[in-house]
Amino acid sequence: MAILTVRNVPDDVHRALRVRAAQHGRSTEAEVREILAAVVKPEKRVRVGEALVAIGRKIGLANEDFAVFENVRDKTPTKPLSLD
């Protein structure tokens, strides 16, 4: 597991972290880990295909429009990546 050092944290921010940690029954360090995880990791994994469909629906594409994409899609199998 990585170690992270944060320098020059203002006193009022550190005080607020300690208070928040106490409210959640955690150490200040555990609270900071929890805050970082909540901010940088999405609750739900983003699926690119689902995101694109949602965007398409938002701009008004219908199922027939998606069928066009399927017909023009390159179905040639990809070549395995060579690590040599």
N, C-alpha and C. Protein backbone atom coordinates (compact mmCIF):
# COMPACT_ATOMS: atom_id res chain seq x y z
N MET A 1 0.85 -1.17 0.00
CA MET A 1 0.00 0.00 0.00
C MET A 1 0.90 1.24 0.00
N ALA A 2 0.50 2.24 -0.73
CA ALA A 2 1.29 3.47 -0.86
C ALA A 2 1.18 4.34 0.38
N ILE A 3 2.19 5.14 0.57
CA ILE A 3 2.21 6.12 1.66
C ILE A 3 2.15 7.51 1.03
N LEU A 4 1.31 8.37 1.58
CA LEU A 4 1.12 9.71 1.06
C LEU A 4 1.34 10.70 2.20
N THR A 5 2.16 11.68 1.95
CA THR A 5 2.39 12.73 2.94
C THR A 5 1.83 14.03 2.37
N VAL A 6 1.04 14.71 3.17
CA VAL A 6 0.47 15.99 2.76
C VAL A 6 1.04 17.06 3.69
N ARG A 7 1.73 17.99 3.10
CA ARG A 7 2.37 19.05 3.89
C ARG A 7 1.55 20.35 3.81
N ASN A 8 1.80 21.19 4.77
CA ASN A 8 1.23 22.55 4.79
C ASN A 8 -0.30 22.57 4.82
N VAL A 9 -0.88 21.65 5.57
CA VAL A 9 -2.34 21.66 5.75
C VAL A 9 -2.67 22.78 6.72
N PRO A 10 -3.53 23.71 6.33
CA PRO A 10 -3.88 24.81 7.23
C PRO A 10 -4.47 24.28 8.55
N ASP A 11 -4.20 25.00 9.61
CA ASP A 11 -4.65 24.57 10.94
C ASP A 11 -6.17 24.37 11.00
N ASP A 12 -6.91 25.27 10.37
CA ASP A 12 -8.38 25.14 10.42
C ASP A 12 -8.86 23.91 9.67
N VAL A 13 -8.18 23.54 8.59
CA VAL A 13 -8.54 22.32 7.84
C VAL A 13 -8.21 21.09 8.67
N HIS A 14 -7.06 21.10 9.30
CA HIS A 14 -6.67 19.97 10.14
C HIS A 14 -7.65 19.80 11.31
N ARG A 15 -8.03 20.92 11.91
CA ARG A 15 -9.00 20.90 13.01
C ARG A 15 -10.33 20.33 12.53
N ALA A 16 -10.78 20.76 11.35
CA ALA A 16 -12.05 20.25 10.80
C ALA A 16 -11.96 18.76 10.51
N LEU A 17 -10.80 18.31 10.03
CA LEU A 17 -10.61 16.88 9.79
C LEU A 17 -10.69 16.08 11.08
N ARG A 18 -10.06 16.61 12.14
CA ARG A 18 -10.11 15.91 13.43
C ARG A 18 -11.54 15.82 13.95
N VAL A 19 -12.29 16.90 13.81
CA VAL A 19 -13.68 16.91 14.27
C VAL A 19 -14.50 15.91 13.45
N ARG A 20 -14.34 15.96 12.14
CA ARG A 20 -15.08 15.04 11.27
C ARG A 20 -14.73 13.59 11.57
N ALA A 21 -13.46 13.32 11.80
CA ALA A 21 -13.02 11.96 12.14
C ALA A 21 -13.67 11.50 13.44
N ALA A 22 -13.69 12.38 14.43
CA ALA A 22 -14.30 12.03 15.71
C ALA A 22 -15.79 11.74 15.55
N GLN A 23 -16.47 12.52 14.71
CA GLN A 23 -17.90 12.30 14.46
C GLN A 23 -18.15 10.93 13.84
N HIS A 24 -17.19 10.45 13.04
CA HIS A 24 -17.35 9.16 12.38
C HIS A 24 -16.66 8.02 13.13
N GLY A 25 -16.08 8.34 14.29
CA GLY A 25 -15.43 7.31 15.10
C GLY A 25 -14.16 6.76 14.48
N ARG A 26 -13.44 7.60 13.74
CA ARG A 26 -12.21 7.18 13.08
C ARG A 26 -11.05 8.08 13.48
N SER A 27 -9.85 7.59 13.20
CA SER A 27 -8.68 8.44 13.37
C SER A 27 -8.68 9.48 12.25
N THR A 28 -7.91 10.53 12.43
CA THR A 28 -7.80 11.55 11.39
C THR A 28 -7.27 10.93 10.10
N GLU A 29 -6.26 10.07 10.23
CA GLU A 29 -5.68 9.41 9.05
C GLU A 29 -6.71 8.55 8.32
N ALA A 30 -7.51 7.80 9.07
CA ALA A 30 -8.55 6.96 8.45
C ALA A 30 -9.61 7.83 7.78
N GLU A 31 -9.91 8.97 8.39
CA GLU A 31 -10.90 9.88 7.80
C GLU A 31 -10.39 10.44 6.47
N VAL A 32 -9.12 10.81 6.43
CA VAL A 32 -8.54 11.34 5.19
C VAL A 32 -8.58 10.25 4.11
N ARG A 33 -8.25 9.00 4.46
CA ARG A 33 -8.33 7.91 3.48
C ARG A 33 -9.76 7.75 2.95
N GLU A 34 -10.71 7.84 3.84
CA GLU A 34 -12.12 7.70 3.44
C GLU A 34 -12.54 8.83 2.52
N ILE A 35 -12.14 10.06 2.83
CA ILE A 35 -12.48 11.22 2.00
C ILE A 35 -11.86 11.06 0.61
N LEU A 36 -10.58 10.70 0.56
CA LEU A 36 -9.91 10.53 -0.73
C LEU A 36 -10.57 9.45 -1.56
N ALA A 37 -10.87 8.32 -0.95
CA ALA A 37 -11.51 7.23 -1.69
C ALA A 37 -12.87 7.66 -2.23
N ALA A 38 -13.64 8.38 -1.43
CA ALA A 38 -14.97 8.82 -1.87
C ALA A 38 -14.90 9.80 -3.03
N VAL A 39 -13.85 10.60 -3.06
CA VAL A 39 -13.73 11.62 -4.10
C VAL A 39 -13.19 11.06 -5.41
N VAL A 40 -12.22 10.17 -5.33
CA VAL A 40 -11.55 9.74 -6.56
C VAL A 40 -12.06 8.42 -7.13
N LYS A 41 -12.81 7.64 -6.37
CA LYS A 41 -13.32 6.38 -6.89
C LYS A 41 -14.84 6.48 -7.07
N PRO A 42 -15.32 6.25 -8.27
CA PRO A 42 -16.78 6.32 -8.47
C PRO A 42 -17.48 5.19 -7.73
N GLU A 43 -18.68 5.48 -7.25
CA GLU A 43 -19.46 4.45 -6.56
C GLU A 43 -19.79 3.31 -7.50
N LYS A 44 -20.07 3.63 -8.74
CA LYS A 44 -20.43 2.63 -9.73
C LYS A 44 -19.43 2.71 -10.86
N ARG A 45 -18.95 1.56 -11.29
CA ARG A 45 -18.00 1.53 -12.39
C ARG A 45 -18.64 2.10 -13.64
N VAL A 46 -17.93 2.98 -14.30
CA VAL A 46 -18.43 3.59 -15.52
C VAL A 46 -18.22 2.61 -16.67
N ARG A 47 -19.28 2.29 -17.35
CA ARG A 47 -19.21 1.41 -18.51
C ARG A 47 -19.35 2.30 -19.74
N VAL A 48 -18.31 2.30 -20.56
CA VAL A 48 -18.25 3.22 -21.70
C VAL A 48 -19.45 3.02 -22.62
N GLY A 49 -19.78 1.77 -22.92
CA GLY A 49 -20.91 1.50 -23.82
C GLY A 49 -22.21 2.07 -23.29
N GLU A 50 -22.45 1.87 -22.00
CA GLU A 50 -23.68 2.39 -21.39
C GLU A 50 -23.68 3.92 -21.41
N ALA A 51 -22.52 4.51 -21.18
CA ALA A 51 -22.42 5.97 -21.20
C ALA A 51 -22.71 6.51 -22.59
N LEU A 52 -22.19 5.84 -23.61
CA LEU A 52 -22.44 6.29 -24.99
C LEU A 52 -23.91 6.14 -25.36
N VAL A 53 -24.53 5.05 -24.95
CA VAL A 53 -25.96 4.87 -25.22
C VAL A 53 -26.76 5.98 -24.54
N ALA A 54 -26.40 6.29 -23.29
CA ALA A 54 -27.11 7.35 -22.57
C ALA A 54 -26.97 8.68 -23.28
N ILE A 55 -25.78 8.97 -23.78
CA ILE A 55 -25.58 10.21 -24.53
C ILE A 55 -26.41 10.19 -25.80
N GLY A 56 -26.42 9.06 -26.50
CA GLY A 56 -27.22 8.94 -27.72
C GLY A 56 -28.70 9.17 -27.45
N ARG A 57 -29.19 8.57 -26.37
CA ARG A 57 -30.61 8.75 -26.01
C ARG A 57 -30.90 10.22 -25.69
N LYS A 58 -29.95 10.84 -25.00
CA LYS A 58 -30.14 12.24 -24.59
C LYS A 58 -30.26 13.16 -25.80
N ILE A 59 -29.52 12.85 -26.87
CA ILE A 59 -29.59 13.71 -28.06
C ILE A 59 -30.67 13.24 -29.03
N GLY A 60 -31.41 12.18 -28.65
CA GLY A 60 -32.57 11.79 -29.43
C GLY A 60 -32.37 10.65 -30.42
N LEU A 61 -31.29 9.89 -30.31
CA LEU A 61 -31.12 8.75 -31.20
C LEU A 61 -32.10 7.64 -30.81
N ALA A 62 -32.62 6.95 -31.82
CA ALA A 62 -33.55 5.84 -31.60
C ALA A 62 -32.84 4.52 -31.89
N ASN A 63 -33.50 3.41 -31.60
CA ASN A 63 -32.91 2.09 -31.85
C ASN A 63 -32.49 1.93 -33.30
N GLU A 64 -33.26 2.49 -34.23
CA GLU A 64 -32.92 2.39 -35.65
C GLU A 64 -31.58 3.07 -35.94
N ASP A 65 -31.32 4.15 -35.26
CA ASP A 65 -30.05 4.86 -35.43
C ASP A 65 -28.88 4.00 -34.96
N PHE A 66 -29.07 3.29 -33.87
CA PHE A 66 -28.02 2.43 -33.36
C PHE A 66 -27.77 1.26 -34.31
N ALA A 67 -28.82 0.78 -34.97
CA ALA A 67 -28.67 -0.31 -35.93
C ALA A 67 -27.73 0.08 -37.06
N VAL A 68 -27.77 1.33 -37.47
CA VAL A 68 -26.87 1.81 -38.52
C VAL A 68 -25.42 1.65 -38.07
N PHE A 69 -25.15 2.00 -36.83
CA PHE A 69 -23.79 1.85 -36.31
C PHE A 69 -23.35 0.40 -36.35
N GLU A 70 -24.24 -0.50 -36.01
CA GLU A 70 -23.91 -1.92 -36.01
C GLU A 70 -23.58 -2.40 -37.42
N ASN A 71 -24.30 -1.90 -38.41
CA ASN A 71 -24.06 -2.33 -39.80
C ASN A 71 -22.74 -1.82 -40.36
N VAL A 72 -22.26 -0.70 -39.90
CA VAL A 72 -21.02 -0.14 -40.44
C VAL A 72 -19.81 -0.45 -39.57
N ARG A 73 -20.03 -1.13 -38.48
CA ARG A 73 -18.93 -1.45 -37.56
C ARG A 73 -17.96 -2.43 -38.21
N ASP A 74 -16.69 -2.23 -38.02
CA ASP A 74 -15.66 -3.13 -38.52
C ASP A 74 -15.65 -4.37 -37.64
N LYS A 75 -15.98 -5.51 -38.22
CA LYS A 75 -16.09 -6.76 -37.45
C LYS A 75 -14.84 -7.62 -37.61
N THR A 76 -13.79 -7.04 -38.17
CA THR A 76 -12.55 -7.78 -38.33
C THR A 76 -11.93 -8.02 -36.97
N PRO A 77 -11.59 -9.28 -36.66
CA PRO A 77 -10.99 -9.54 -35.35
C PRO A 77 -9.67 -8.79 -35.20
N THR A 78 -9.42 -8.31 -34.01
CA THR A 78 -8.17 -7.61 -33.76
C THR A 78 -7.04 -8.62 -33.62
N LYS A 79 -5.87 -8.17 -33.99
CA LYS A 79 -4.69 -9.04 -33.85
C LYS A 79 -4.20 -8.97 -32.42
N PRO A 80 -3.74 -10.11 -31.89
CA PRO A 80 -3.21 -10.08 -30.52
C PRO A 80 -2.01 -9.14 -30.45
N LEU A 81 -1.88 -8.50 -29.32
CA LEU A 81 -0.78 -7.59 -29.09
C LEU A 81 0.49 -8.39 -28.82
N SER A 82 1.52 -8.10 -29.57
CA SER A 82 2.79 -8.79 -29.39
C SER A 82 3.64 -8.02 -28.39
N LEU A 83 4.13 -8.71 -27.39
CA LEU A 83 4.95 -8.05 -26.37
C LEU A 83 6.43 -8.26 -26.62
N ASP A 84 6.79 -8.71 -27.83
CA ASP A 84 8.21 -8.94 -28.17
C ASP A 84 8.90 -7.67 -28.52
